[in-house]
Protein backbone atom coordinates (compact mmCIF):
# COMPACT_ATOMS: atom_id res chain seq x y z
CA MET A 1 68.02 -6.34 18.63
CA PRO A 2 68.47 -5.60 14.28
CA VAL A 3 70.72 -8.07 12.80
CA VAL A 4 72.23 -5.56 10.06
CA LEU A 5 74.09 -6.48 6.38
CA ILE A 6 75.60 -3.84 4.75
CA GLU A 7 75.72 -3.48 1.48
CA SER A 8 75.60 -7.43 -0.51
CA ASP A 9 77.91 -9.01 -3.02
CA ARG A 10 75.08 -8.26 -5.91
CA SER A 11 77.06 -7.95 -8.70
CA GLU A 12 76.33 -11.36 -10.75
CA ASP A 13 77.89 -10.26 -13.89
CA GLY A 14 81.50 -9.54 -12.79
CA GLY A 15 80.02 -5.19 -13.11
CA ASP A 16 82.33 -4.50 -10.79
CA GLY A 17 86.01 -4.77 -12.21
CA SER A 18 86.30 -9.13 -11.70
CA ARG A 19 84.00 -9.89 -14.94
CA GLY A 20 86.51 -13.31 -15.79
CA ARG A 21 86.98 -14.01 -12.30
CA PRO A 22 84.81 -17.17 -10.67
CA ARG A 23 82.91 -15.97 -7.82
CA GLN A 24 80.08 -16.30 -6.16
CA THR A 25 76.95 -14.15 -5.10
CA PHE A 26 75.40 -14.01 -1.45
CA HIS A 27 72.05 -16.31 -1.20
CA TRP A 28 69.07 -14.58 0.05
CA ASP A 29 66.80 -18.21 0.01
CA SER A 30 68.76 -18.86 3.76
CA PHE A 31 66.72 -15.90 5.19
CA LYS A 32 63.25 -17.10 4.42
CA SER A 33 63.46 -19.72 7.47
CA LEU A 34 65.00 -16.40 9.89
CA PHE A 35 60.74 -15.46 9.17
CA ASN A 36 59.22 -17.69 10.99
CA GLY A 37 61.70 -17.55 14.10
CA GLY A 38 64.04 -20.59 12.26
CA SER A 39 67.93 -20.67 12.76
CA LEU A 40 70.17 -20.02 10.74
CA ARG A 41 72.77 -23.37 11.26
CA THR A 42 72.98 -26.39 13.83
CA THR A 43 75.86 -27.08 15.62
CA GLY A 44 77.11 -29.32 18.31
CA VAL A 45 76.86 -29.89 21.99
CA LYS A 46 79.83 -31.41 23.10
CA SER A 47 78.47 -34.61 25.03
CA SER A 48 78.96 -38.22 25.42
CA GLY A 49 75.89 -38.34 22.98
CA LEU A 50 74.48 -37.10 19.58
CA ASP A 51 73.04 -33.48 20.87
CA THR A 52 73.04 -30.52 18.80
CA TYR A 53 72.08 -27.03 19.17
CA THR A 54 69.64 -25.04 16.85
CA PRO A 55 68.94 -21.32 17.88
CA GLN A 56 66.09 -19.76 17.51
CA PHE A 57 66.35 -16.45 15.37
CA ARG A 58 64.69 -14.01 17.53
CA ALA A 59 65.66 -10.24 16.24
CA ALA A 60 64.47 -8.04 13.11
CA LEU A 61 66.62 -8.31 10.21
CA PHE A 62 67.64 -5.25 8.78
CA ILE A 63 69.27 -4.84 5.10
CA SER A 64 71.28 -2.07 4.25
CA GLN A 65 72.77 -1.48 0.39
CA ASN A 66 72.00 1.22 -2.59
CA ALA A 67 70.98 -1.41 -4.87
CA PRO A 68 66.92 -2.78 -4.30
CA VAL A 69 67.09 -6.84 -3.32
CA SER A 70 67.07 -8.21 -6.10
CA ALA A 71 65.77 -11.90 -4.58
CA SER A 72 63.34 -15.25 -5.85
CA PRO A 73 59.78 -14.08 -4.62
CA ALA A 74 59.66 -15.72 -1.20
CA ILE A 75 62.48 -13.05 0.15
CA MET A 76 60.01 -10.03 -1.39
CA GLU A 77 57.35 -10.76 0.00
CA ARG A 78 59.84 -10.75 2.81
CA ILE A 79 60.75 -7.90 3.20
CA VAL A 80 59.55 -4.20 3.14
CA HIS A 81 61.82 -1.62 1.27
CA CYS A 82 62.44 0.99 2.99
CA TRP A 83 64.27 3.72 -0.28
CA PHE A 84 65.69 7.24 1.41
CA ASP A 85 67.11 9.57 -0.33
CA LYS A 86 67.91 13.56 -0.30
CA ALA A 87 64.85 15.52 -1.67
CA ARG A 88 63.94 16.14 2.16
CA GLN A 89 67.51 16.62 3.27
CA SER A 90 67.17 20.02 5.19
CA GLU A 91 70.08 21.67 7.33
CA ALA A 92 67.49 21.39 11.08
CA GLY A 93 67.54 17.78 9.42
CA ARG A 94 70.88 18.16 9.81
CA GLU A 95 71.95 19.70 13.08
CA ALA A 96 69.11 16.96 14.31
CA ALA A 97 71.45 14.68 13.23
CA LEU A 98 74.15 15.56 14.20
CA ALA A 99 72.69 15.92 17.68
CA LEU A 100 71.48 12.05 17.75
CA ASN A 101 75.36 10.95 17.19
CA ARG A 102 76.48 13.29 20.17
CA LEU A 103 73.93 11.45 22.70
CA SER A 104 75.89 8.78 24.97
CA ALA A 105 74.97 4.60 25.16
CA SER A 106 72.91 5.92 29.09
CA ASP A 107 70.96 8.45 27.13
CA LEU A 108 69.66 5.85 24.45
CA SER A 109 69.04 2.89 25.99
CA GLY A 110 65.54 3.69 28.30
CA PHE A 111 63.43 2.93 25.07
CA MET A 112 65.10 -0.55 25.55
CA VAL A 113 63.06 -0.53 29.62
CA ARG A 114 60.00 1.41 28.66
CA ALA A 115 59.48 -1.02 25.44
CA VAL A 116 60.39 -4.23 27.24
CA ARG A 117 58.27 -2.77 30.44
CA HIS A 118 54.66 -2.35 27.66
CA GLU A 119 54.92 -5.66 26.08
CA ALA A 120 51.30 -7.05 26.87
CA GLU A 121 49.66 -3.28 25.44
CA VAL A 122 51.62 -3.79 22.59
CA LEU A 123 51.08 -7.26 22.50
CA ALA A 124 46.83 -6.28 22.61
CA ALA A 125 47.43 -3.76 20.09
CA LEU A 126 49.05 -5.75 17.52
CA GLU A 127 46.11 -8.62 18.17
CA GLN A 128 42.85 -5.60 18.21
CA ASN A 129 44.62 -3.55 15.27
CA GLN A 130 46.17 -5.80 12.95
CA ARG A 131 43.69 -7.41 10.86
CA GLN A 132 42.24 -3.85 10.31
CA TYR A 133 44.80 -2.73 9.58
CA GLU A 134 45.93 -5.84 6.95
CA ARG A 135 41.96 -5.07 6.03
CA ALA A 136 42.44 -1.66 4.43
CA ILE A 137 46.43 -2.90 2.77
CA GLY A 138 43.97 -4.93 1.12
CA GLU A 139 41.09 -2.48 0.40
CA SER A 140 44.32 -0.38 -1.72
CA GLY A 141 45.02 -3.17 -4.04
CA VAL A 142 47.10 -5.22 -2.77
CA LYS A 143 46.55 -8.81 -2.45
CA ASN A 144 49.64 -9.94 -1.73
CA LEU A 145 48.40 -11.42 1.84
CA ARG A 146 51.82 -11.31 3.28
CA VAL A 147 52.92 -8.43 1.45
CA GLN A 148 49.30 -7.62 4.37
CA LYS A 149 50.25 -9.28 7.14
CA ASN A 150 53.93 -7.41 7.35
CA HIS A 151 52.91 -4.01 7.08
CA ALA A 152 50.41 -4.10 8.87
CA GLN A 153 52.56 -5.42 11.73
CA LEU A 154 54.02 -2.17 11.63
CA MET A 155 51.83 -0.15 11.56
CA VAL A 156 51.15 -1.11 15.03
CA MET A 157 54.06 -0.79 16.17
CA VAL A 158 53.85 2.92 15.35
CA ASP A 159 50.77 2.82 16.79
CA SER A 160 53.13 1.37 19.20
CA LEU A 161 55.78 3.79 19.56
CA SER A 162 53.45 6.24 21.59
CA PHE A 163 54.63 3.62 24.88
CA ALA A 164 58.39 3.92 24.31
CA CYS A 165 59.18 7.30 22.97
CA ARG A 166 57.22 11.07 22.18
CA ILE A 167 55.30 10.97 18.71
CA THR A 168 52.38 12.80 17.64
CA ALA A 169 49.57 11.37 16.26
CA GLN A 170 50.13 13.54 13.02
CA GLN A 171 53.72 11.69 12.96
CA GLN A 172 52.35 8.16 13.67
CA LEU A 173 49.33 8.70 10.55
CA GLU A 174 52.46 9.76 7.93
CA ALA A 175 54.41 7.33 8.93
CA LYS A 176 51.30 4.97 8.04
CA ASN A 177 50.30 6.56 4.91
CA LEU A 178 54.06 5.62 3.73
CA LEU A 179 53.28 2.38 4.85
CA LEU A 180 50.72 1.30 2.93
CA ASP A 181 52.20 3.58 -0.13
CA MET A 182 55.36 0.94 0.97
CA ALA A 183 52.87 -2.32 0.59
CA ILE A 184 51.96 -0.69 -2.17
CA GLU A 185 55.35 -0.62 -4.38
CA ARG A 186 56.37 -4.12 -3.00
CA GLU A 187 53.15 -5.49 -4.53
CA LYS A 188 54.33 -3.44 -7.61
CA THR A 189 57.55 -5.03 -7.65
CA LEU A 190 56.23 -8.49 -6.81
CA GLN A 191 54.18 -8.56 -10.62
CA ALA A 192 57.43 -6.79 -12.38
CA ASP A 193 60.14 -9.68 -14.13
CA HIS A 194 63.40 -9.69 -13.25
CA PRO A 195 65.75 -7.95 -14.92
CA ILE A 196 67.03 -10.46 -16.59
CA VAL A 197 64.12 -10.83 -17.66
CA ALA A 198 62.94 -7.26 -18.42
CA ALA A 199 66.88 -6.41 -20.05
CA PHE A 200 65.81 -10.41 -22.65
CA TRP A 201 62.24 -7.97 -23.80
CA GLU A 202 63.42 -4.65 -24.14
CA MET A 203 66.23 -5.94 -26.01
CA TYR A 204 63.28 -8.91 -28.06
CA ASP A 205 61.92 -5.22 -29.03
CA TYR A 206 64.33 -3.06 -30.56
CA LEU A 207 65.90 -5.85 -32.98
CA GLU A 208 62.76 -7.39 -33.38
CA SER A 209 62.09 -3.40 -35.23
CA ASP A 210 65.84 -2.75 -36.40
CA GLU A 211 64.51 -4.39 -39.70
CA GLU A 212 62.57 -2.24 -42.21
CA GLU A 213 62.65 -4.96 -45.18
CA MET A 214 62.13 -7.89 -42.35
CA PRO A 215 58.31 -7.80 -40.91
CA ALA A 216 60.22 -10.13 -38.29
CA VAL A 217 63.10 -10.39 -37.15
CA LEU A 218 63.01 -12.83 -33.74
CA ASN A 219 59.63 -14.51 -33.92
CA HIS A 220 59.46 -17.45 -35.64
CA SER A 221 55.41 -17.42 -35.36
CA ARG A 222 52.84 -17.67 -38.41
CA ASP A 223 50.21 -16.52 -35.54
CA PRO A 224 51.19 -13.13 -34.32
CA SER A 225 49.15 -13.66 -31.02
CA LEU A 226 52.46 -16.57 -30.54
CA ILE A 227 55.57 -15.22 -29.67
CA ALA A 228 58.65 -17.85 -30.84
CA ILE A 229 61.99 -17.50 -29.89
CA ASN A 230 65.42 -19.24 -30.39
CA LEU A 231 67.76 -17.89 -28.20
CA ASN A 232 70.83 -19.07 -30.23
CA HIS A 233 69.21 -17.09 -33.41
CA MET A 234 68.83 -13.28 -30.74
CA LEU A 235 72.39 -14.00 -29.61
CA GLU A 236 73.96 -14.36 -33.82
CA VAL A 237 71.48 -11.00 -34.16
CA ALA A 238 72.38 -8.90 -30.66
CA ALA A 239 76.05 -10.13 -31.84
CA ASP A 240 76.04 -8.52 -35.72
CA ARG A 241 73.91 -5.71 -33.55
CA ARG A 242 76.74 -4.68 -31.17
CA GLN A 243 73.92 -5.09 -28.26
CA ASP A 244 74.84 -7.57 -25.59
CA MET A 245 73.04 -10.41 -24.47
CA PRO A 246 71.86 -11.80 -21.48
CA ASP A 247 73.20 -14.86 -20.21
CA ILE A 248 71.73 -17.56 -22.07
CA THR A 249 71.90 -20.41 -19.07
CA GLU A 250 70.84 -17.48 -16.99
CA LEU A 251 67.60 -16.96 -18.62
CA LYS A 252 66.80 -20.70 -20.14
CA LYS A 253 66.13 -20.51 -16.22
CA LEU A 254 64.41 -16.88 -15.35
CA LEU A 255 62.08 -17.38 -18.83
CA PRO A 256 59.02 -19.82 -17.72
CA ASN A 257 58.92 -16.36 -15.16
CA SER A 258 58.16 -13.48 -17.67
CA ARG A 259 55.26 -11.47 -16.29
CA ARG A 260 55.43 -9.84 -19.93
CA HIS A 261 54.98 -12.94 -21.80
CA LYS A 262 53.55 -15.75 -20.42
CA PHE A 263 55.63 -18.87 -21.31
CA ILE A 264 53.93 -21.86 -23.02
CA GLU A 265 56.29 -24.16 -23.76
CA ALA A 266 60.02 -24.55 -24.00
CA ASN A 267 61.47 -26.85 -27.69
CA ARG A 268 58.41 -26.81 -29.40
CA THR A 269 58.57 -27.25 -33.50
CA VAL A 270 57.62 -24.34 -35.16
CA ASN A 271 57.13 -23.71 -38.69
CA SER A 272 59.40 -20.30 -39.14
CA PHE A 273 58.29 -17.05 -40.47
CA ILE A 274 61.07 -15.90 -40.45
CA ASN A 275 63.00 -18.96 -42.23
CA ALA A 276 59.96 -18.80 -45.18
CA GLN A 277 61.08 -14.67 -45.51
CA TYR A 278 64.92 -15.41 -46.14
CA ASN A 279 64.12 -18.74 -48.86
CA ALA A 280 61.74 -16.32 -50.85
CA ARG A 281 63.92 -13.58 -51.19
CA ALA A 282 67.09 -15.63 -51.74
CA ASN A 283 65.92 -17.39 -54.98
CA GLY A 284 62.30 -17.17 -54.98
CA SER A 285 59.42 -20.83 -54.12
CA SER A 286 60.88 -23.42 -55.30
CA VAL A 287 60.89 -27.49 -53.69
CA LEU A 288 63.06 -28.42 -50.67
CA GLN A 289 64.48 -32.02 -50.32
CA LEU A 290 66.33 -33.01 -47.40
CA GLN A 291 69.39 -34.84 -46.48
CA VAL A 292 70.34 -35.78 -44.12
CA CYS A 293 74.62 -36.80 -44.19
CA SER A 294 76.11 -40.11 -42.51
CA GLY A 295 78.01 -42.66 -42.40
CA ALA A 296 80.69 -45.21 -41.11
CA SER A 297 82.78 -42.75 -42.15
CA ALA A 298 81.84 -39.79 -41.09
CA ASP A 299 82.93 -39.20 -36.34
CA ALA A 300 80.95 -41.31 -34.18
CA HIS A 301 80.02 -38.02 -31.65
CA ALA A 302 79.47 -35.82 -34.36
CA ALA A 303 76.03 -34.31 -35.56
CA PRO A 304 75.35 -35.18 -39.59
CA LEU A 305 75.32 -32.91 -41.93
CA VAL A 306 72.11 -31.27 -43.06
CA VAL A 307 72.16 -30.33 -46.61
CA LEU A 308 68.62 -28.68 -48.40
CA ARG A 309 69.22 -29.00 -52.38
CA ASP A 310 66.51 -27.92 -54.46
CA SER A 311 64.32 -30.76 -56.36
CA PRO A 312 64.51 -30.47 -60.07
CA GLN A 313 62.97 -27.10 -61.49
CA THR A 314 63.76 -28.17 -65.34
CA ALA A 315 65.70 -29.96 -67.54
CA SER A 316 68.73 -29.44 -67.14
CA GLY A 317 68.21 -30.04 -63.61
CA ALA A 318 69.24 -29.41 -59.72
CA ARG A 319 70.92 -25.69 -58.62
CA SER A 320 73.21 -26.98 -56.32
CA ALA A 321 73.96 -28.41 -53.31
CA SER A 322 74.90 -25.42 -49.77
CA ALA A 323 75.53 -27.28 -46.33
CA PHE A 324 73.41 -25.63 -43.44
CA ASP A 325 73.44 -24.82 -40.30
CA ARG A 326 72.34 -27.46 -38.11
CA SER A 327 70.24 -25.49 -35.52
CA GLY A 328 68.21 -23.81 -38.50
CA PHE A 329 69.59 -20.29 -38.69
CA GLY A 330 72.63 -18.27 -38.91
CA CYS A 331 72.63 -18.72 -43.21
CA ARG A 332 71.27 -15.66 -44.89
CA ARG A 333 72.53 -17.35 -48.04
CA GLY A 334 70.77 -20.32 -49.38
CA HIS A 335 67.22 -21.74 -47.90
CA HIS A 336 66.37 -22.46 -44.63
CA LEU A 337 65.01 -24.95 -42.85
CA ALA A 338 60.82 -25.12 -42.63
CA GLN A 339 60.06 -25.37 -38.62
CA SER A 340 62.55 -24.85 -35.99
CA ARG A 341 62.64 -25.02 -32.40
CA GLY A 342 61.37 -22.94 -30.15
CA TRP A 343 60.47 -21.25 -27.03
CA TYR A 344 56.83 -20.41 -27.85
CA PHE A 345 55.35 -17.31 -25.51
CA SER A 346 51.73 -15.84 -25.48
CA ALA A 347 51.75 -12.04 -27.46
CA VAL A 348 48.61 -10.27 -25.71
């Protein structure tokens, strides 16, 4: 019998009006072991020994909710996603649904009995046809073996429905074609970025093309085949443009798995093209000297102040010094450090 989960708590950002309140979302990975008949928990047995009871999961897990499940790739591979909408609703379908609701338990209990009686035939069909369906799904472009297996098993179950209920060959063919389309769609979903990462790259494209006077707004790389981003800098630019930046802590966990732009390295020192633009626009070209101010009078836990000074350009001496944010970003007046640290991605 199926175990049904209805409308899980999937809002992590407080979008339902609970912003600011501590909460814990549902973790789909806790169901990973059930795929192979594992157990959710182990309980102790009341005895004089150390005996435990670990029941095996022998049911089907059914997830019913409006929004698609967003979980780790291991969980997404285990899900056969069937989307229901109102496109094919009709008056005849409504009447059929009402007639189904009026049926009693005694009218419907025969399916389980007939299915159990044909257990041997169902297992034989599974052994004979599953590999054939897996190969057909693979030839359609689906390379993920687990996706092939799950959808092929359901195709065999569609064939086996004729043992337990009345179903036409045309209905079985339509159901198997639908399962093939579902396998292809599941493969595309697995190849897509996490929604937070996808939103991050959409915001990057918007902010990078928003400034007409500057060739680069967020990309510090001088190499056109690479993208170098400082997340704190991007957060500042997004705030200036009134954009909601995804949570940086969550981004640091998800960006290494980026698919749109392949992740290369984090915290890499970059010869910043953006800072060079600001320096050229501020006072023209000049040679910079870096002076780190620290001393016994400074707080032992405070970061040293980084001060940039222009080297002497005329006989009258150097220009006045300007304090600069240690991160290398945030101040558009004065000179910016030539180097900064950021996350590297492939631009192709």
